[in-house]
Amino acid sequence: MVGTYLDWSIGGLVPTWIVDVKWGFGGASSSSGSSAGRADSTVTLHCATKTRDEIETFKTLMTPVFTNTNLLNGGTDLQVTPDGQILTIVNGSYTWNGIISSVQFDEDEYATIDGDAAIEFDIILELQRGAGAISENVACVPAQMTDNAIQISAGFDQPDQMIGEKIDLGSTPGGVTINGDFNTGCVCFNWDGTGRVFIVSDPTADPTTNTIFTDDAMTVTNKTNSQSLYATSGNVGNGQAQYPAPEITSILQAGNNCVNVVIQDLYGDLIGCSALYIVQYEGTGSGLSSGTGTGSGSGSGGSGSGSNLVKVQITAGFASTTEVQGNDWNVGKFTFNWNGQGKIYLASQQEVSNPTLDFIQFFESATIAGNLGAIATGNNVIPDFDITSICQTGNNTIDITIHSSGNATIGSGPLWIIQINS
């Protein structure tokens, strides 16, 4: 019989039919009048509907990125991203603040309502329990400065739980938070818009020659503008392999930035990274500051100090299994400001005099989308790729997706966006 649990309301919306209620991950069913399981923060409502519209309505209320940390007082601290939605969730005489973390359904699963077939679907709720304080539209913590640098991690290397596991370096510099696929932790800092900004392993070293390791890959996301980049050594199976400190200037903006770093295992065995710091490079000094003040200047292009040529690092190169990444992998969006002179290329390095003598590599090909359209590259090893036709004078955003047509590996060699005037 369907429709036994009818006293649930989620953000003012009531599911048409609730077939079953489960508390906790894999928890037992409980009737709506029972207190069983109410210490759990995760609730799954197994529902049924005659229309897809109801499913889509609940999907619009989803907040898939969140944390709900257990507190010593027995409650939880629910935190969501700036676009998250805190909802009032009611079950009979019980009321919580919470979120819809997921809405799942299978076209092949049906219930029967009044003799008609209905689609079954699950609404997965995450509840704020006890005295925990909700932090709606959570802000990143102010950066902690070390040697004029922002510490992201003190470094770690530990056994992985599964191939594809992700570890968010979290909001506590030097700490590690295991959050599965949830990328919520970040640090805030103010950038004056000058020079170049890198992630390095040694804050006192020259970032243009420093190296790091990530076992196996690292995704860096600026949550202030949703720009991101991906970095790995590309040395398959050797997560301890060093590679050049990645430049992140292209994903920053002058003023406030909230940067999140996630480490991902690609090949099994271990997951980790070297010590990681964010540093600004202008030859001397630092224009990074902790907190959320205001700044001035221009951070466009990722260009080096003393040069107005476009030089944006995309990746140091990587190779992953299609089992983990799929047959298409979006490397990210990269922004720069072009003065309209010369040509813009994808190259393997930041200094190239003759693009016909430099070569880039994809496993197997890529689509490059820009402000003026999109173009496809050739397969595997090709000369530096001219993308001028999809660029415009002024601000540009380049979106790069790599394709693998059924092969076991997807990835690329080192990639830069560069400007060549000669």
Foldseek 3Di string as FASTA:
>chain_A
DWAQQFQKAKQNHTAPIFRFKAADDVHDTDGLVDPPRVLGQKMKTKGWDADCVVLVVLVVQAQQAWDWDQDPVSWTEIEGAQPHDWIWMDRPPDIFTWGFNDKAFDPPDWDADPNDTITIIMTMIGTTTDPHDYDYNHDAAWFDDDPQWGWQAQKDKDFDPDAFFKWWSARDRNRTHRDGPHFDHWHKKAFQQDFWKWKAQDQVDDLQPGKKFWQAKKKKAWPVVRFIAIEGQQPPPDRRDIFRTAIDLQRDWHFMTIMIMMGTHFHGTMGMIHTIIMFGDQPDDGRMGIDHDGHYYGSFQSDGHPDQWRKHWRYQKHKHFCVNQNQKHWRTKGKHAAQPAAFKWKFQDADDQDQQPGKKFWLFWKWKAKCQGIDIDHTGIDGIGTPRNRDDHTMMMIIMMGGHDPDGMGMIHTIIITGHRD
